[in-house]
C-alpha atoms as a PDB file:
ATOM      1  CA  MET A   1      36.997 -17.984  68.800  1.00  0.00           C
ATOM      2  CA  ARG A   2      37.264 -21.499  70.139  1.00  0.00           C
ATOM      3  CA  THR A   3      33.611 -21.320  71.167  1.00  0.00           C
ATOM      4  CA  SER A   4      32.566 -20.371  67.646  1.00  0.00           C
ATOM      5  CA  THR A   5      34.535 -23.267  66.167  1.00  0.00           C
ATOM      6  CA  THR A   6      32.935 -25.744  68.596  1.00  0.00           C
ATOM      7  CA  LYS A   7      29.444 -24.577  67.746  1.00  0.00           C
ATOM      8  CA  SER A   8      30.149 -24.885  64.040  1.00  0.00           C
ATOM      9  CA  THR A   9      31.509 -28.362  64.548  1.00  0.00           C
ATOM     10  CA  ARG A  10      28.389 -29.368  66.487  1.00  0.00           C
ATOM     11  CA  LYS A  11      26.186 -28.023  63.703  1.00  0.00           C
ATOM     12  CA  LEU A  12      27.990 -30.267  61.245  1.00  0.00           C
ATOM     13  CA  LEU A  13      28.008 -33.373  63.499  1.00  0.00           C
ATOM     14  CA  ILE A  14      24.363 -33.367  64.591  1.00  0.00           C
ATOM     15  CA  PRO A  15      22.809 -33.659  61.099  1.00  0.00           C
ATOM     16  CA  GLY A  16      25.332 -36.373  60.299  1.00  0.00           C
ATOM     17  CA  LEU A  17      24.416 -38.274  63.456  1.00  0.00           C
ATOM     18  CA  ILE A  18      20.692 -38.014  62.690  1.00  0.00           C
ATOM     19  CA  LEU A  19      21.308 -39.272  59.166  1.00  0.00           C
ATOM     20  CA  GLY A  20      23.338 -42.182  60.507  1.00  0.00           C
ATOM     21  CA  VAL A  21      20.552 -43.226  62.907  1.00  0.00           C
ATOM     22  CA  ALA A  22      17.990 -42.961  60.127  1.00  0.00           C
ATOM     23  CA  LEU A  23      20.087 -45.163  57.838  1.00  0.00           C
ATOM     24  CA  ALA A  24      20.578 -47.700  60.614  1.00  0.00           C
ATOM     25  CA  GLY A  25      16.835 -47.807  61.224  1.00  0.00           C
ATOM     26  CA  ASN A  26      16.166 -48.361  57.541  1.00  0.00           C
ATOM     27  CA  SER A  27      18.740 -51.143  57.467  1.00  0.00           C
ATOM     28  CA  TYR A  28      17.052 -52.920  60.398  1.00  0.00           C
ATOM     29  CA  ALA A  29      13.636 -52.535  58.764  1.00  0.00           C
ATOM     30  CA  ALA A  30      14.997 -54.079  55.590  1.00  0.00           C
ATOM     31  CA  ASP A  31      16.383 -57.019  57.576  1.00  0.00           C
ATOM     32  CA  ASP A  32      12.942 -57.572  59.108  1.00  0.00           C
ATOM     33  CA  LYS A  33      11.457 -58.320  55.712  1.00  0.00           C
ATOM     34  CA  GLU A  34      11.492 -61.698  53.995  1.00  0.00           C
ATOM     35  CA  ASP A  35      12.694 -60.194  50.691  1.00  0.00           C
ATOM     36  CA  GLY A  36      15.953 -61.776  49.638  1.00  0.00           C
ATOM     37  CA  TYR A  37      15.636 -64.895  51.793  1.00  0.00           C
ATOM     38  CA  GLN A  38      15.326 -68.191  49.997  1.00  0.00           C
ATOM     39  CA  GLY A  39      14.937 -71.825  50.952  1.00  0.00           C
ATOM     40  CA  ALA A  40      16.003 -72.805  54.464  1.00  0.00           C
ATOM     41  CA  MET A  41      16.931 -69.206  55.342  1.00  0.00           C
ATOM     42  CA  LYS A  42      13.415 -68.031  54.538  1.00  0.00           C
ATOM     43  CA  ASP A  43      11.885 -70.914  56.525  1.00  0.00           C
ATOM     44  CA  ALA A  44      14.065 -70.032  59.520  1.00  0.00           C
ATOM     45  CA  TRP A  45      13.025 -66.384  59.219  1.00  0.00           C
ATOM     46  CA  LEU A  46       9.336 -67.357  59.130  1.00  0.00           C
ATOM     47  CA  ASP A  47       9.815 -69.689  62.098  1.00  0.00           C
ATOM     48  CA  GLY A  48      11.306 -66.843  64.117  1.00  0.00           C
ATOM     49  CA  ARG A  49       8.538 -64.416  63.167  1.00  0.00           C
ATOM     50  CA  ILE A  50       5.809 -66.894  64.129  1.00  0.00           C
ATOM     51  CA  GLU A  51       7.401 -67.752  67.471  1.00  0.00           C
ATOM     52  CA  THR A  52       7.817 -64.057  68.220  1.00  0.00           C
ATOM     53  CA  ALA A  53       4.142 -63.469  67.427  1.00  0.00           C
ATOM     54  CA  PHE A  54       3.165 -66.289  69.803  1.00  0.00           C
ATOM     55  CA  THR A  55       5.391 -64.820  72.521  1.00  0.00           C
ATOM     56  CA  LEU A  56       3.779 -61.391  72.182  1.00  0.00           C
ATOM     57  CA  ASN A  57       0.260 -62.819  72.389  1.00  0.00           C
ATOM     58  CA  ARG A  58      -0.969 -62.867  75.992  1.00  0.00           C
ATOM     59  CA  HIS A  59      -3.348 -65.781  75.369  1.00  0.00           C
ATOM     60  CA  LEU A  60      -0.740 -68.264  74.155  1.00  0.00           C
ATOM     61  CA  ASN A  61       2.114 -70.097  75.849  1.00  0.00           C
ATOM     62  CA  PRO A  62       4.891 -70.201  73.221  1.00  0.00           C
ATOM     63  CA  PHE A  63       6.781 -72.884  75.168  1.00  0.00           C
ATOM     64  CA  SER A  64       3.958 -75.372  74.598  1.00  0.00           C
ATOM     65  CA  ILE A  65       3.804 -74.818  70.822  1.00  0.00           C
ATOM     66  CA  ASP A  66       6.355 -76.386  68.481  1.00  0.00           C
ATOM     67  CA  THR A  67       6.712 -74.581  65.149  1.00  0.00           C
ATOM     68  CA  LYS A  68       8.261 -76.129  62.047  1.00  0.00           C
ATOM     69  CA  VAL A  69       8.471 -74.468  58.632  1.00  0.00           C
ATOM     70  CA  GLU A  70       9.363 -76.155  55.359  1.00  0.00           C
ATOM     71  CA  ASN A  71       9.029 -74.409  52.008  1.00  0.00           C
ATOM     72  CA  GLY A  72       6.686 -71.869  53.578  1.00  0.00           C
ATOM     73  CA  VAL A  73       4.357 -74.529  54.991  1.00  0.00           C
ATOM     74  CA  VAL A  74       3.974 -74.243  58.767  1.00  0.00           C
ATOM     75  CA  LEU A  75       3.393 -77.217  61.051  1.00  0.00           C
ATOM     76  CA  LEU A  76       2.095 -76.456  64.548  1.00  0.00           C
ATOM     77  CA  GLU A  77       2.382 -79.187  67.180  1.00  0.00           C
ATOM     78  CA  GLY A  78       1.996 -79.276  70.937  1.00  0.00           C
ATOM     79  CA  GLU A  79      -0.759 -78.578  73.454  1.00  0.00           C
ATOM     80  CA  VAL A  80      -2.923 -75.538  74.142  1.00  0.00           C
ATOM     81  CA  GLU A  81      -5.574 -74.803  76.744  1.00  0.00           C
ATOM     82  CA  SER A  82      -8.653 -74.610  74.517  1.00  0.00           C
ATOM     83  CA  ASP A  83     -10.094 -74.864  71.007  1.00  0.00           C
ATOM     84  CA  ILE A  84      -9.994 -71.069  70.834  1.00  0.00           C
ATOM     85  CA  ASP A  85      -6.245 -71.034  71.554  1.00  0.00           C
ATOM     86  CA  ARG A  86      -5.692 -73.683  68.881  1.00  0.00           C
ATOM     87  CA  ASP A  87      -7.547 -71.658  66.254  1.00  0.00           C
ATOM     88  CA  LEU A  88      -5.860 -68.438  67.409  1.00  0.00           C
ATOM     89  CA  ALA A  89      -2.380 -69.921  66.975  1.00  0.00           C
ATOM     90  CA  GLY A  90      -3.294 -71.120  63.501  1.00  0.00           C
ATOM     91  CA  GLU A  91      -4.601 -67.706  62.461  1.00  0.00           C
ATOM     92  CA  ILE A  92      -1.557 -65.899  63.839  1.00  0.00           C
ATOM     93  CA  ALA A  93       0.786 -68.184  61.895  1.00  0.00           C
ATOM     94  CA  GLN A  94      -1.266 -67.830  58.714  1.00  0.00           C
ATOM     95  CA  ASN A  95      -1.147 -64.014  58.919  1.00  0.00           C
ATOM     96  CA  VAL A  96       2.674 -63.879  58.864  1.00  0.00           C
ATOM     97  CA  ASP A  97       3.846 -62.603  55.455  1.00  0.00           C
ATOM     98  CA  GLY A  98       5.427 -65.369  53.411  1.00  0.00           C
ATOM     99  CA  VAL A  99       3.505 -68.284  54.964  1.00  0.00           C
ATOM    100  CA  ALA A 100       1.973 -70.467  52.253  1.00  0.00           C
ATOM    101  CA  SER A 101      -0.247 -72.608  54.478  1.00  0.00           C
ATOM    102  CA  VAL A 102      -0.611 -73.885  58.046  1.00  0.00           C
ATOM    103  CA  ASN A 103      -1.094 -77.480  59.223  1.00  0.00           C
ATOM    104  CA  ASN A 104      -2.559 -77.022  62.690  1.00  0.00           C
ATOM    105  CA  GLU A 105      -1.907 -80.236  64.619  1.00  0.00           C
ATOM    106  CA  LEU A 106      -2.226 -78.606  68.048  1.00  0.00           C
ATOM    107  CA  THR A 107      -4.212 -80.606  70.591  1.00  0.00           C
ATOM    108  CA  VAL A 108      -6.254 -79.275  73.471  1.00  0.00           C
ATOM    109  CA  ARG A 109      -4.771 -80.198  76.839  1.00  0.00           C
ATOM    110  CA  GLY A 110      -6.896 -82.867  78.524  1.00  0.00           C
ATOM    111  CA  GLU A 111      -8.607 -84.040  75.314  1.00  0.00           C
ATOM    112  CA  ASN A 112      -6.646 -87.297  75.136  1.00  0.00           C
ATOM    113  CA  SER A 113      -7.101 -88.093  78.806  1.00  0.00           C
ATOM    114  CA  MET A 114     -10.833 -87.422  78.544  1.00  0.00           C
ATOM    115  CA  GLU A 115     -11.060 -89.739  75.553  1.00  0.00           C
ATOM    116  CA  LYS A 116      -9.150 -92.414  77.462  1.00  0.00           C
ATOM    117  CA  MET A 117     -11.430 -92.025  80.474  1.00  0.00           C
ATOM    118  CA  THR A 118     -14.529 -92.220  78.285  1.00  0.00           C
ATOM    119  CA  GLY A 119     -13.160 -95.258  76.472  1.00  0.00           C
ATOM    120  CA  LYS A 120     -12.289 -96.958  79.744  1.00  0.00           C
ATOM    121  CA  ALA A 121     -15.768 -96.259  81.138  1.00  0.00           C
ATOM    122  CA  LYS A 122     -17.394 -97.690  78.010  1.00  0.00           C
ATOM    123  CA  LYS A 123     -15.149-100.752  78.168  1.00  0.00           C
ATOM    124  CA  THR A 124     -16.021-101.305  81.840  1.00  0.00           C
ATOM    125  CA  ALA A 125     -19.736-100.911  81.126  1.00  0.00           C
ATOM    126  CA  ASN A 126     -19.550-103.322  78.188  1.00  0.00           C
ATOM    127  CA  SER A 127     -17.625-105.838  80.282  1.00  0.00           C
ATOM    128  CA  PHE A 128     -20.218-105.643  83.028  1.00  0.00           C
ATOM    129  CA  MET A 129     -23.087-106.080  80.571  1.00  0.00           C
ATOM    130  CA  GLN A 130     -21.316-109.055  78.991  1.00  0.00           C
ATOM    131  CA  THR A 131     -20.858-110.664  82.409  1.00  0.00           C
ATOM    132  CA  VAL A 132     -24.538-110.204  83.185  1.00  0.00           C
ATOM    133  CA  GLY A 133     -25.478-111.582  79.762  1.00  0.00           C
ATOM    134  CA  ASP A 134     -23.249-114.645  80.189  1.00  0.00           C
ATOM    135  CA  ALA A 135     -24.695-115.348  83.645  1.00  0.00           C
ATOM    136  CA  THR A 136     -28.218-115.067  82.232  1.00  0.00           C
ATOM    137  CA  ILE A 137     -27.426-117.511  79.412  1.00  0.00           C
ATOM    138  CA  THR A 138     -25.884-120.003  81.871  1.00  0.00           C
ATOM    139  CA  ALA A 139     -28.933-119.878  84.118  1.00  0.00           C
ATOM    140  CA  THR A 140     -31.336-120.241  81.171  1.00  0.00           C
ATOM    141  CA  VAL A 141     -29.494-123.219  79.655  1.00  0.00           C
ATOM    142  CA  LYS A 142     -29.260-124.908  83.050  1.00  0.00           C
ATOM    143  CA  THR A 143     -32.994-124.421  83.589  1.00  0.00           C
ATOM    144  CA  ARG A 144     -33.825-125.895  80.184  1.00  0.00           C
ATOM    145  CA  LEU A 145     -31.634-128.942  80.807  1.00  0.00           C
ATOM    146  CA  MET A 146     -33.222-129.580  84.186  1.00  0.00           C
ATOM    147  CA  ALA A 147     -36.748-129.050  82.813  1.00  0.00           C
ATOM    148  CA  ASN A 148     -36.261-131.668  80.082  1.00  0.00           C
ATOM    149  CA  SER A 149     -36.912-135.202  81.331  1.00  0.00           C
ATOM    150  CA  ASN A 150     -34.418-136.684  78.858  1.00  0.00           C
ATOM    151  CA  THR A 151     -31.438-134.752  80.163  1.00  0.00           C
ATOM    152  CA  LYS A 152     -29.961-134.871  83.610  1.00  0.00           C
ATOM    153  CA  GLY A 153     -29.354-131.192  84.237  1.00  0.00           C
ATOM    154  CA  LEU A 154     -27.705-131.699  87.597  1.00  0.00           C
ATOM    155  CA  SER A 155     -24.883-133.747  86.057  1.00  0.00           C
ATOM    156  CA  ILE A 156     -24.163-131.277  83.248  1.00  0.00           C
ATOM    157  CA  ASN A 157     -21.935-128.297  83.925  1.00  0.00           C
ATOM    158  CA  VAL A 158     -22.728-125.110  82.009  1.00  0.00           C
ATOM    159  CA  ASP A 159     -20.257-122.243  81.588  1.00  0.00           C
ATOM    160  CA  THR A 160     -20.678-119.180  79.374  1.00  0.00           C
ATOM    161  CA  LYS A 161     -18.094-116.659  78.213  1.00  0.00           C
ATOM    162  CA  ASP A 162     -18.753-114.026  75.563  1.00  0.00           C
ATOM    163  CA  ASP A 163     -22.002-115.807  74.584  1.00  0.00           C
ATOM    164  CA  VAL A 164     -20.168-119.110  73.991  1.00  0.00           C
ATOM    165  CA  VAL A 165     -21.613-121.969  76.074  1.00  0.00           C
ATOM    166  CA  THR A 166     -19.414-124.842  77.220  1.00  0.00           C
ATOM    167  CA  LEU A 167     -21.084-128.077  78.309  1.00  0.00           C
ATOM    168  CA  SER A 168     -19.070-130.523  80.391  1.00  0.00           C
ATOM    169  CA  GLY A 169     -19.751-133.560  82.539  1.00  0.00           C
ATOM    170  CA  THR A 170     -21.059-137.083  81.956  1.00  0.00           C
ATOM    171  CA  VAL A 171     -24.248-138.268  80.220  1.00  0.00           C
ATOM    172  CA  GLU A 172     -25.619-141.785  79.668  1.00  0.00           C
ATOM    173  CA  SER A 173     -25.936-141.757  75.875  1.00  0.00           C
ATOM    174  CA  SER A 174     -24.887-139.956  72.725  1.00  0.00           C
ATOM    175  CA  GLU A 175     -28.539-139.009  72.213  1.00  0.00           C
ATOM    176  CA  GLU A 176     -28.582-137.214  75.563  1.00  0.00           C
ATOM    177  CA  ARG A 177     -25.332-135.508  74.647  1.00  0.00           C
ATOM    178  CA  ASP A 178     -26.786-134.230  71.349  1.00  0.00           C
ATOM    179  CA  LEU A 179     -30.047-133.185  73.010  1.00  0.00           C
ATOM    180  CA  ALA A 180     -28.201-131.163  75.631  1.00  0.00           C
ATOM    181  CA  GLU A 181     -26.264-129.400  72.882  1.00  0.00           C
ATOM    182  CA  ALA A 182     -29.440-128.666  70.928  1.00  0.00           C
ATOM    183  CA  LEU A 183     -31.181-127.255  74.004  1.00  0.00           C
ATOM    184  CA  ALA A 184     -28.202-124.962  74.626  1.00  0.00           C
ATOM    185  CA  LYS A 185     -28.011-123.837  70.990  1.00  0.00           C
ATOM    186  CA  ASN A 186     -31.690-122.921  70.950  1.00  0.00           C
ATOM    187  CA  THR A 187     -31.316-120.647  73.963  1.00  0.00           C
ATOM    188  CA  GLY A 188     -31.495-116.949  73.074  1.00  0.00           C
ATOM    189  CA  ASP A 189     -28.231-114.977  72.598  1.00  0.00           C
ATOM    190  CA  VAL A 190     -26.049-118.128  72.459  1.00  0.00           C
ATOM    191  CA  ALA A 191     -23.397-117.638  69.777  1.00  0.00           C
ATOM    192  CA  ARG A 192     -21.873-121.123  69.870  1.00  0.00           C
ATOM    193  CA  VAL A 193     -21.876-124.327  71.952  1.00  0.00           C
ATOM    194  CA  ASP A 194     -18.671-126.143  72.849  1.00  0.00           C
ATOM    195  CA  ASN A 195     -19.904-129.636  73.690  1.00  0.00           C
ATOM    196  CA  LYS A 196     -17.420-131.440  75.987  1.00  0.00           C
ATOM    197  CA  LEU A 197     -19.937-133.920  77.423  1.00  0.00           C
ATOM    198  CA  VAL A 198     -18.635-137.462  77.807  1.00  0.00           C
ATOM    199  CA  VAL A 199     -20.848-140.538  77.322  1.00  0.00           C
ATOM    200  CA  SER A 200     -20.388-142.814  80.323  1.00  0.00           C
ATOM    201  CA  ASN A 201     -20.650-146.174  78.502  1.00  0.00           C
ATOM    202  CA  GLN A 202     -18.143-145.293  75.832  1.00  0.00           C
END
């Protein structure tokens, strides 16, 4: 008789247990939806869903991606390995229900350093070319001063920096001083002449 009672009890408990599990499952499913969330709560829910999606994706490193959500607008910041990963993260975030839009500010790792290296190389090349150009101008001006019988090229110092020629030293007259300046100005690629020549008899 006891055995019959136990079996009857089990028959009553098992359907109840199954119903309880089903209700619990439905409750969890309802919690996994954005319905009912508003404002900051909804943003926090979206943030969690996006980060979970990144974690489950084998191509992305969720620890290198910073997710911020405000009024349904997602901001992605951080570094990824490639352009493909950047676009993938943006698409994953956009596909989460409730996301209004995505601002994808993710950068590709190594992009900045490559830009810096390229910029540094260009700067070095430009500096070298400028040095060569300045040396060429100095030599040309010096040659013109020495070739002109009215200027004493050996007594005039010529320095060039960034296409600006500086004349220094001593000349015998103001006419020679002006002539030296004119010869320097008329040399190709000279931007300006800083005439510091001193007339000896003055």
